[in-house]
C-alpha atoms as a PDB file:
ATOM      1  CA  MET A   1      27.484  35.102 160.419  1.00  0.00           C
ATOM      2  CA  ASP A   2      30.138  35.262 163.193  1.00  0.00           C
ATOM      3  CA  ILE A   3      33.886  34.759 162.610  1.00  0.00           C
ATOM      4  CA  TYR A   4      35.903  33.363 165.475  1.00  0.00           C
ATOM      5  CA  PHE A   5      39.674  33.262 165.569  1.00  0.00           C
ATOM      6  CA  SER A   6      41.541  30.296 167.107  1.00  0.00           C
ATOM      7  CA  ARG A   7      44.285  30.923 169.663  1.00  0.00           C
ATOM      8  CA  HIS A   8      46.721  29.439 167.063  1.00  0.00           C
ATOM      9  CA  VAL A   9      45.635  31.988 164.353  1.00  0.00           C
ATOM     10  CA  LYS A  10      45.962  34.908 166.922  1.00  0.00           C
ATOM     11  CA  ARG A  11      49.639  33.979 167.530  1.00  0.00           C
ATOM     12  CA  GLN A  12      50.344  33.805 163.816  1.00  0.00           C
ATOM     13  CA  MET A  13      48.660  37.006 163.327  1.00  0.00           C
ATOM     14  CA  LYS A  14      50.870  38.647 165.839  1.00  0.00           C
ATOM     15  CA  TRP A  15      54.180  37.021 164.459  1.00  0.00           C
ATOM     16  CA  ARG A  16      53.453  37.690 160.787  1.00  0.00           C
ATOM     17  CA  GLU A  17      51.756  41.154 161.350  1.00  0.00           C
ATOM     18  CA  ILE A  18      48.367  40.249 159.733  1.00  0.00           C
ATOM     19  CA  GLU A  19      45.410  42.238 160.495  1.00  0.00           C
ATOM     20  CA  GLU A  20      42.043  40.791 161.588  1.00  0.00           C
ATOM     21  CA  GLY A  21      40.416  42.711 158.719  1.00  0.00           C
ATOM     22  CA  GLU A  22      42.678  41.215 156.265  1.00  0.00           C
ATOM     23  CA  ILE A  23      41.716  37.706 157.428  1.00  0.00           C
ATOM     24  CA  LYS A  24      38.012  38.551 157.212  1.00  0.00           C
ATOM     25  CA  ASP A  25      38.457  40.101 153.720  1.00  0.00           C
ATOM     26  CA  THR A  26      40.333  36.875 152.613  1.00  0.00           C
ATOM     27  CA  VAL A  27      37.589  34.550 153.806  1.00  0.00           C
ATOM     28  CA  LEU A  28      34.553  36.549 152.760  1.00  0.00           C
ATOM     29  CA  TYR A  29      35.967  37.728 149.296  1.00  0.00           C
ATOM     30  CA  PRO A  30      38.688  35.182 148.287  1.00  0.00           C
ATOM     31  CA  GLU A  31      40.195  35.098 144.823  1.00  0.00           C
ATOM     32  CA  LYS A  32      40.630  31.439 145.170  1.00  0.00           C
ATOM     33  CA  VAL A  33      39.265  28.719 147.493  1.00  0.00           C
ATOM     34  CA  GLU A  34      40.680  25.077 147.633  1.00  0.00           C
ATOM     35  CA  ASN A  35      39.362  22.237 149.880  1.00  0.00           C
ATOM     36  CA  SER A  36      41.591  20.921 152.627  1.00  0.00           C
ATOM     37  CA  ILE A  37      41.659  18.249 155.122  1.00  0.00           C
ATOM     38  CA  LYS A  38      38.972  17.636 157.944  1.00  0.00           C
ATOM     39  CA  ASP A  39      36.385  19.599 156.067  1.00  0.00           C
ATOM     40  CA  ARG A  40      38.539  22.693 156.057  1.00  0.00           C
ATOM     41  CA  LYS A  41      38.981  25.275 153.195  1.00  0.00           C
ATOM     42  CA  ASN A  42      41.892  27.453 152.210  1.00  0.00           C
ATOM     43  CA  ALA A  43      41.063  30.907 150.918  1.00  0.00           C
ATOM     44  CA  PHE A  44      43.635  32.974 149.025  1.00  0.00           C
ATOM     45  CA  LYS A  45      43.768  36.656 148.310  1.00  0.00           C
ATOM     46  CA  HIS A  46      46.395  39.342 147.195  1.00  0.00           C
ATOM     47  CA  ILE A  47      46.404  42.125 149.889  1.00  0.00           C
ATOM     48  CA  GLY A  48      48.956  44.725 149.024  1.00  0.00           C
ATOM     49  CA  SER A  49      52.367  42.840 148.427  1.00  0.00           C
ATOM     50  CA  LYS A  50      51.137  39.690 150.170  1.00  0.00           C
ATOM     51  CA  TRP A  51      49.475  36.629 148.902  1.00  0.00           C
ATOM     52  CA  LEU A  52      47.326  35.623 151.994  1.00  0.00           C
ATOM     53  CA  LYS A  53      46.356  31.957 152.782  1.00  0.00           C
ATOM     54  CA  VAL A  54      43.769  31.511 155.428  1.00  0.00           C
ATOM     55  CA  THR A  55      42.582  28.000 156.563  1.00  0.00           C
ATOM     56  CA  PHE A  56      39.005  27.945 157.968  1.00  0.00           C
ATOM     57  CA  LYS A  57      36.142  25.727 158.831  1.00  0.00           C
ATOM     58  CA  GLN A  58      32.372  26.461 158.470  1.00  0.00           C
ATOM     59  CA  GLU A  59      30.415  25.345 161.479  1.00  0.00           C
ATOM     60  CA  SER A  60      26.606  25.955 160.957  1.00  0.00           C
ATOM     61  CA  ASP A  61      26.324  29.767 160.841  1.00  0.00           C
ATOM     62  CA  ASN A  62      29.854  30.298 162.141  1.00  0.00           C
ATOM     63  CA  ILE A  63      33.259  30.459 160.560  1.00  0.00           C
ATOM     64  CA  VAL A  64      36.309  29.400 162.566  1.00  0.00           C
ATOM     65  CA  ILE A  65      39.642  30.690 161.431  1.00  0.00           C
ATOM     66  CA  ILE A  66      42.347  28.082 161.968  1.00  0.00           C
ATOM     67  CA  THR A  67      45.590  29.404 160.392  1.00  0.00           C
ATOM     68  CA  ALA A  68      46.905  32.293 158.392  1.00  0.00           C
ATOM     69  CA  ILE A  69      50.073  32.488 156.287  1.00  0.00           C
ATOM     70  CA  ASP A  70      51.213  35.504 154.211  1.00  0.00           C
ATOM     71  CA  LYS A  71      53.861  35.213 151.324  1.00  0.00           C
ATOM     72  CA  ASN A  72      55.404  37.958 149.308  1.00  0.00           C
ATOM     73  CA  LYS A  73      54.678  38.047 145.675  1.00  0.00           C
END
């Protein structure tokens, strides 16, 4: 399974100082998953002092990361 990062999320990662590995860890091993709009899902995970929310969409054997937001506890 391949994971692709949209241009939008790449900008968010830079602005919010979120690592690629943190996003992959959140999507692959989430603490919580919620359905979102347009067949998307939101994955949540605590990483250090951050509560990370990653919005993604599964397309056949691929995962496309759309957005990523971190919030302090």
